[in-house]
Amino acid sequence: MLRTHGIKGMAKALRQALRDRNIDLSHSDCLELIAKQFNMRDWNALSAALGQDGAEKPLSFSISGEEMKLHRMTERLDVNDTDLSGSRFNDANLSGTSFNQINFSGARFNDSNMSGWFVNDVNLSGSRFQNINLSGVAFSNCSMPGAMLDGVPLEEIVEAYRKSQLA
């Protein structure tokens, strides 16, 4: 996830990397190049898209083919009693989100940050988790048959953990 100052940091890092290769560009030129990466005409267009309070609002980006898209992340989710079966979460920041009585059966979570998740009474059967951050996640009373984490059935992971606790 990025913020406006993170994008400016990307321009600084680009400038330094180019300088290390004996290519000297101004910080402004590097900002223009970064803006182009987000399919913006120039830095002013990107800055306007971010808005005046962009430094305070988290941003993320996704890549579709050769196109990079910028997304503003402004809302925290608190989801209860909802059917999200078959949903796809790609490159999503779901950190600190609370889910209660949700049907996630068959959902796909790819390249997502799910740290600090609190999940209670949730159906995760047949869900797929690939390349995700699950640090600090708490699962309580969840149904997980057929759920996979990086291609490994969750039942196997839980069983291995329980055996390690007995040893």
C-alpha atoms as a PDB file:
ATOM      1  CA  MET A   1       0.000   0.000   0.000  1.00  0.00           C
ATOM      2  CA  LEU A   2       1.229   3.466  -0.835  1.00  0.00           C
ATOM      3  CA  ARG A   3       0.589   7.026   0.202  1.00  0.00           C
ATOM      4  CA  THR A   4       1.471  10.173  -1.742  1.00  0.00           C
ATOM      5  CA  HIS A   5       4.789  10.450   0.066  1.00  0.00           C
ATOM      6  CA  GLY A   6       5.419   6.806  -0.912  1.00  0.00           C
ATOM      7  CA  ILE A   7       5.018   7.721  -4.567  1.00  0.00           C
ATOM      8  CA  LYS A   8       7.430  10.619  -4.075  1.00  0.00           C
ATOM      9  CA  GLY A   9       9.778   8.127  -2.431  1.00  0.00           C
ATOM     10  CA  MET A  10       9.556   5.953  -5.544  1.00  0.00           C
ATOM     11  CA  ALA A  11      10.719   8.956  -7.592  1.00  0.00           C
ATOM     12  CA  LYS A  12      13.645   9.504  -5.201  1.00  0.00           C
ATOM     13  CA  ALA A  13      14.613   5.838  -5.409  1.00  0.00           C
ATOM     14  CA  LEU A  14      14.375   5.937  -9.209  1.00  0.00           C
ATOM     15  CA  ARG A  15      16.552   9.040  -9.325  1.00  0.00           C
ATOM     16  CA  GLN A  16      19.184   7.391  -7.141  1.00  0.00           C
ATOM     17  CA  ALA A  17      19.133   4.161  -9.161  1.00  0.00           C
ATOM     18  CA  LEU A  18      19.617   6.151 -12.369  1.00  0.00           C
ATOM     19  CA  ARG A  19      22.343   8.265 -10.761  1.00  0.00           C
ATOM     20  CA  ASP A  20      24.138   5.020  -9.801  1.00  0.00           C
ATOM     21  CA  ARG A  21      24.140   4.240 -13.534  1.00  0.00           C
ATOM     22  CA  ASN A  22      25.494   7.693 -14.426  1.00  0.00           C
ATOM     23  CA  ILE A  23      22.117   8.929 -15.662  1.00  0.00           C
ATOM     24  CA  ASP A  24      21.204  12.251 -14.118  1.00  0.00           C
ATOM     25  CA  LEU A  25      17.509  13.203 -14.019  1.00  0.00           C
ATOM     26  CA  SER A  26      15.843  15.775 -11.814  1.00  0.00           C
ATOM     27  CA  HIS A  27      13.390  14.796  -9.110  1.00  0.00           C
ATOM     28  CA  SER A  28      10.648  16.408 -11.242  1.00  0.00           C
ATOM     29  CA  ASP A  29      11.592  14.244 -14.220  1.00  0.00           C
ATOM     30  CA  CYS A  30      11.412  11.147 -12.033  1.00  0.00           C
ATOM     31  CA  LEU A  31       7.991  12.193 -10.719  1.00  0.00           C
ATOM     32  CA  GLU A  32       6.840  12.477 -14.331  1.00  0.00           C
ATOM     33  CA  LEU A  33       8.131   8.957 -15.067  1.00  0.00           C
ATOM     34  CA  ILE A  34       6.374   7.527 -12.012  1.00  0.00           C
ATOM     35  CA  ALA A  35       3.141   9.262 -13.085  1.00  0.00           C
ATOM     36  CA  LYS A  36       3.445   7.597 -16.506  1.00  0.00           C
ATOM     37  CA  GLN A  37       3.704   4.217 -14.748  1.00  0.00           C
ATOM     38  CA  PHE A  38       0.251   4.889 -13.292  1.00  0.00           C
ATOM     39  CA  ASN A  39      -1.059   5.786 -16.777  1.00  0.00           C
ATOM     40  CA  MET A  40      -1.259   9.471 -15.924  1.00  0.00           C
ATOM     41  CA  ARG A  41      -0.360  12.262 -18.333  1.00  0.00           C
ATOM     42  CA  ASP A  42       2.106  13.824 -15.856  1.00  0.00           C
ATOM     43  CA  TRP A  43       2.805  14.388 -12.166  1.00  0.00           C
ATOM     44  CA  ASN A  44       0.194  17.166 -11.957  1.00  0.00           C
ATOM     45  CA  ALA A  45      -2.505  14.803 -13.227  1.00  0.00           C
ATOM     46  CA  LEU A  46      -1.468  12.110 -10.732  1.00  0.00           C
ATOM     47  CA  SER A  47      -1.292  14.628  -7.918  1.00  0.00           C
ATOM     48  CA  ALA A  48      -4.767  15.924  -8.801  1.00  0.00           C
ATOM     49  CA  ALA A  49      -6.116  12.366  -8.903  1.00  0.00           C
ATOM     50  CA  LEU A  50      -4.736  11.795  -5.411  1.00  0.00           C
ATOM     51  CA  GLY A  51      -6.331  14.986  -4.074  1.00  0.00           C
ATOM     52  CA  GLN A  52      -5.063  17.428  -1.471  1.00  0.00           C
ATOM     53  CA  ASP A  53      -5.420  14.975   1.372  1.00  0.00           C
ATOM     54  CA  GLY A  54      -3.794  12.156  -0.598  1.00  0.00           C
ATOM     55  CA  ALA A  55      -0.878  12.004   1.833  1.00  0.00           C
ATOM     56  CA  GLU A  56      -3.273  10.834   4.525  1.00  0.00           C
ATOM     57  CA  LYS A  57      -5.219   8.299   2.481  1.00  0.00           C
ATOM     58  CA  PRO A  58      -3.670   4.902   1.777  1.00  0.00           C
ATOM     59  CA  LEU A  59      -3.292   3.887  -1.862  1.00  0.00           C
ATOM     60  CA  SER A  60      -2.734   0.594  -3.578  1.00  0.00           C
ATOM     61  CA  PHE A  61      -2.226  -0.367  -7.167  1.00  0.00           C
ATOM     62  CA  SER A  62      -2.961  -3.330  -9.347  1.00  0.00           C
ATOM     63  CA  ILE A  63      -1.467  -4.439 -12.619  1.00  0.00           C
ATOM     64  CA  SER A  64      -3.672  -5.618 -15.446  1.00  0.00           C
ATOM     65  CA  GLY A  65      -1.650  -6.699 -18.462  1.00  0.00           C
ATOM     66  CA  GLU A  66       0.780  -3.861 -18.996  1.00  0.00           C
ATOM     67  CA  GLU A  67      -1.435  -1.280 -17.302  1.00  0.00           C
ATOM     68  CA  MET A  68      -0.993  -0.186 -13.687  1.00  0.00           C
ATOM     69  CA  LYS A  69      -4.056   1.175 -11.858  1.00  0.00           C
ATOM     70  CA  LEU A  70      -4.091   3.256  -8.694  1.00  0.00           C
ATOM     71  CA  HIS A  71      -6.749   2.597  -6.030  1.00  0.00           C
ATOM     72  CA  ARG A  72      -7.592   4.719  -3.013  1.00  0.00           C
ATOM     73  CA  MET A  73      -8.218   2.729   0.141  1.00  0.00           C
ATOM     74  CA  THR A  74     -10.329   4.883   2.423  1.00  0.00           C
ATOM     75  CA  GLU A  75     -12.786   2.623   4.162  1.00  0.00           C
ATOM     76  CA  ARG A  76     -12.451  -0.054   6.809  1.00  0.00           C
ATOM     77  CA  LEU A  77     -14.694  -3.041   6.337  1.00  0.00           C
ATOM     78  CA  ASP A  78     -16.847  -4.437   9.104  1.00  0.00           C
ATOM     79  CA  VAL A  79     -18.906  -7.107   7.379  1.00  0.00           C
ATOM     80  CA  ASN A  80     -21.578  -9.224   9.063  1.00  0.00           C
ATOM     81  CA  ASP A  81     -24.011 -11.894   7.873  1.00  0.00           C
ATOM     82  CA  THR A  82     -23.208 -11.595   4.153  1.00  0.00           C
ATOM     83  CA  ASP A  83     -22.877 -14.041   1.258  1.00  0.00           C
ATOM     84  CA  LEU A  84     -19.536 -13.431  -0.477  1.00  0.00           C
ATOM     85  CA  SER A  85     -19.233 -16.941  -1.895  1.00  0.00           C
ATOM     86  CA  GLY A  86     -17.122 -17.142  -5.023  1.00  0.00           C
ATOM     87  CA  SER A  87     -15.770 -13.599  -4.532  1.00  0.00           C
ATOM     88  CA  ARG A  88     -12.259 -12.699  -5.661  1.00  0.00           C
ATOM     89  CA  PHE A  89      -9.905 -10.519  -3.647  1.00  0.00           C
ATOM     90  CA  ASN A  90      -6.792  -9.681  -5.676  1.00  0.00           C
ATOM     91  CA  ASP A  91      -4.108  -7.337  -4.359  1.00  0.00           C
ATOM     92  CA  ALA A  92      -6.512  -6.276  -1.599  1.00  0.00           C
ATOM     93  CA  ASN A  93      -5.597  -4.706   1.706  1.00  0.00           C
ATOM     94  CA  LEU A  94      -7.975  -6.346   4.153  1.00  0.00           C
ATOM     95  CA  SER A  95      -5.806  -5.776   7.228  1.00  0.00           C
ATOM     96  CA  GLY A  96      -7.686  -5.162  10.453  1.00  0.00           C
ATOM     97  CA  THR A  97     -10.987  -6.216   8.882  1.00  0.00           C
ATOM     98  CA  SER A  98     -13.603  -8.020  10.941  1.00  0.00           C
ATOM     99  CA  PHE A  99     -15.857 -10.665   9.388  1.00  0.00           C
ATOM    100  CA  ASN A 100     -18.718 -12.292  11.303  1.00  0.00           C
ATOM    101  CA  GLN A 101     -21.105 -14.917   9.891  1.00  0.00           C
ATOM    102  CA  ILE A 102     -19.888 -14.605   6.304  1.00  0.00           C
ATOM    103  CA  ASN A 103     -20.118 -17.177   3.530  1.00  0.00           C
ATOM    104  CA  PHE A 104     -16.731 -17.103   1.750  1.00  0.00           C
ATOM    105  CA  SER A 105     -17.127 -20.599   0.264  1.00  0.00           C
ATOM    106  CA  GLY A 106     -15.146 -20.850  -2.947  1.00  0.00           C
ATOM    107  CA  ALA A 107     -13.689 -17.342  -2.516  1.00  0.00           C
ATOM    108  CA  ARG A 108     -10.205 -16.570  -3.851  1.00  0.00           C
ATOM    109  CA  PHE A 109      -7.707 -14.418  -1.970  1.00  0.00           C
ATOM    110  CA  ASN A 110      -4.596 -13.613  -4.011  1.00  0.00           C
ATOM    111  CA  ASP A 111      -1.621 -11.362  -3.212  1.00  0.00           C
ATOM    112  CA  SER A 112      -3.536  -9.736  -0.369  1.00  0.00           C
ATOM    113  CA  ASN A 113      -2.721  -8.349   3.065  1.00  0.00           C
ATOM    114  CA  MET A 114      -5.014  -9.953   5.609  1.00  0.00           C
ATOM    115  CA  SER A 115      -2.940  -9.193   8.720  1.00  0.00           C
ATOM    116  CA  GLY A 116      -4.945  -8.612  11.871  1.00  0.00           C
ATOM    117  CA  TRP A 117      -8.083 -10.191  10.404  1.00  0.00           C
ATOM    118  CA  PHE A 118     -10.729 -11.293  12.898  1.00  0.00           C
ATOM    119  CA  VAL A 119     -12.900 -14.019  11.418  1.00  0.00           C
ATOM    120  CA  ASN A 120     -15.765 -15.526  13.439  1.00  0.00           C
ATOM    121  CA  ASP A 121     -18.346 -18.120  12.386  1.00  0.00           C
ATOM    122  CA  VAL A 122     -17.302 -17.896   8.738  1.00  0.00           C
ATOM    123  CA  ASN A 123     -17.666 -20.514   5.998  1.00  0.00           C
ATOM    124  CA  LEU A 124     -14.303 -20.726   4.201  1.00  0.00           C
ATOM    125  CA  SER A 125     -14.927 -24.140   2.619  1.00  0.00           C
ATOM    126  CA  GLY A 126     -13.287 -24.469  -0.752  1.00  0.00           C
ATOM    127  CA  SER A 127     -11.600 -21.059  -0.442  1.00  0.00           C
ATOM    128  CA  ARG A 128      -8.146 -20.517  -1.895  1.00  0.00           C
ATOM    129  CA  PHE A 129      -5.491 -18.346  -0.257  1.00  0.00           C
ATOM    130  CA  GLN A 130      -2.435 -17.670  -2.428  1.00  0.00           C
ATOM    131  CA  ASN A 131       0.538 -15.449  -1.553  1.00  0.00           C
ATOM    132  CA  ILE A 132      -1.159 -13.645   1.332  1.00  0.00           C
ATOM    133  CA  ASN A 133      -0.135 -12.118   4.660  1.00  0.00           C
ATOM    134  CA  LEU A 134      -2.030 -13.828   7.499  1.00  0.00           C
ATOM    135  CA  SER A 135       0.045 -12.501  10.411  1.00  0.00           C
ATOM    136  CA  GLY A 136      -2.070 -11.913  13.504  1.00  0.00           C
ATOM    137  CA  VAL A 137      -5.208 -13.449  11.980  1.00  0.00           C
ATOM    138  CA  ALA A 138      -7.721 -14.972  14.393  1.00  0.00           C
ATOM    139  CA  PHE A 139     -10.104 -17.649  13.082  1.00  0.00           C
ATOM    140  CA  SER A 140     -12.898 -18.655  15.472  1.00  0.00           C
ATOM    141  CA  ASN A 141     -15.645 -21.245  14.823  1.00  0.00           C
ATOM    142  CA  CYS A 142     -14.928 -21.356  11.089  1.00  0.00           C
ATOM    143  CA  SER A 143     -15.757 -24.077   8.586  1.00  0.00           C
ATOM    144  CA  MET A 144     -12.736 -24.749   6.345  1.00  0.00           C
ATOM    145  CA  PRO A 145     -13.119 -28.104   4.544  1.00  0.00           C
ATOM    146  CA  GLY A 146     -11.379 -28.008   1.193  1.00  0.00           C
ATOM    147  CA  ALA A 147      -9.786 -24.601   1.878  1.00  0.00           C
ATOM    148  CA  MET A 148      -6.216 -24.285   0.563  1.00  0.00           C
ATOM    149  CA  LEU A 149      -3.293 -22.093   1.619  1.00  0.00           C
ATOM    150  CA  ASP A 150      -0.634 -21.836  -1.100  1.00  0.00           C
ATOM    151  CA  GLY A 151      -1.854 -25.176  -2.478  1.00  0.00           C
ATOM    152  CA  VAL A 152      -1.842 -27.007   0.889  1.00  0.00           C
ATOM    153  CA  PRO A 153      -5.170 -28.056   2.444  1.00  0.00           C
ATOM    154  CA  LEU A 154      -5.823 -26.066   5.635  1.00  0.00           C
ATOM    155  CA  GLU A 155      -6.862 -29.280   7.402  1.00  0.00           C
ATOM    156  CA  GLU A 156      -3.289 -30.578   6.940  1.00  0.00           C
ATOM    157  CA  ILE A 157      -1.791 -27.350   8.282  1.00  0.00           C
ATOM    158  CA  VAL A 158      -4.054 -27.380  11.352  1.00  0.00           C
ATOM    159  CA  GLU A 159      -3.379 -31.084  11.993  1.00  0.00           C
ATOM    160  CA  ALA A 160       0.393 -30.571  11.752  1.00  0.00           C
ATOM    161  CA  TYR A 161       0.128 -27.664  14.179  1.00  0.00           C
ATOM    162  CA  ARG A 162      -1.909 -29.702  16.685  1.00  0.00           C
ATOM    163  CA  LYS A 163       0.614 -32.538  16.529  1.00  0.00           C
ATOM    164  CA  SER A 164       3.488 -30.106  17.117  1.00  0.00           C
ATOM    165  CA  GLN A 165       1.734 -28.787  20.234  1.00  0.00           C
ATOM    166  CA  LEU A 166       1.459 -32.297  21.690  1.00  0.00           C
ATOM    167  CA  ALA A 167       5.159 -33.047  21.214  1.00  0.00           C
END
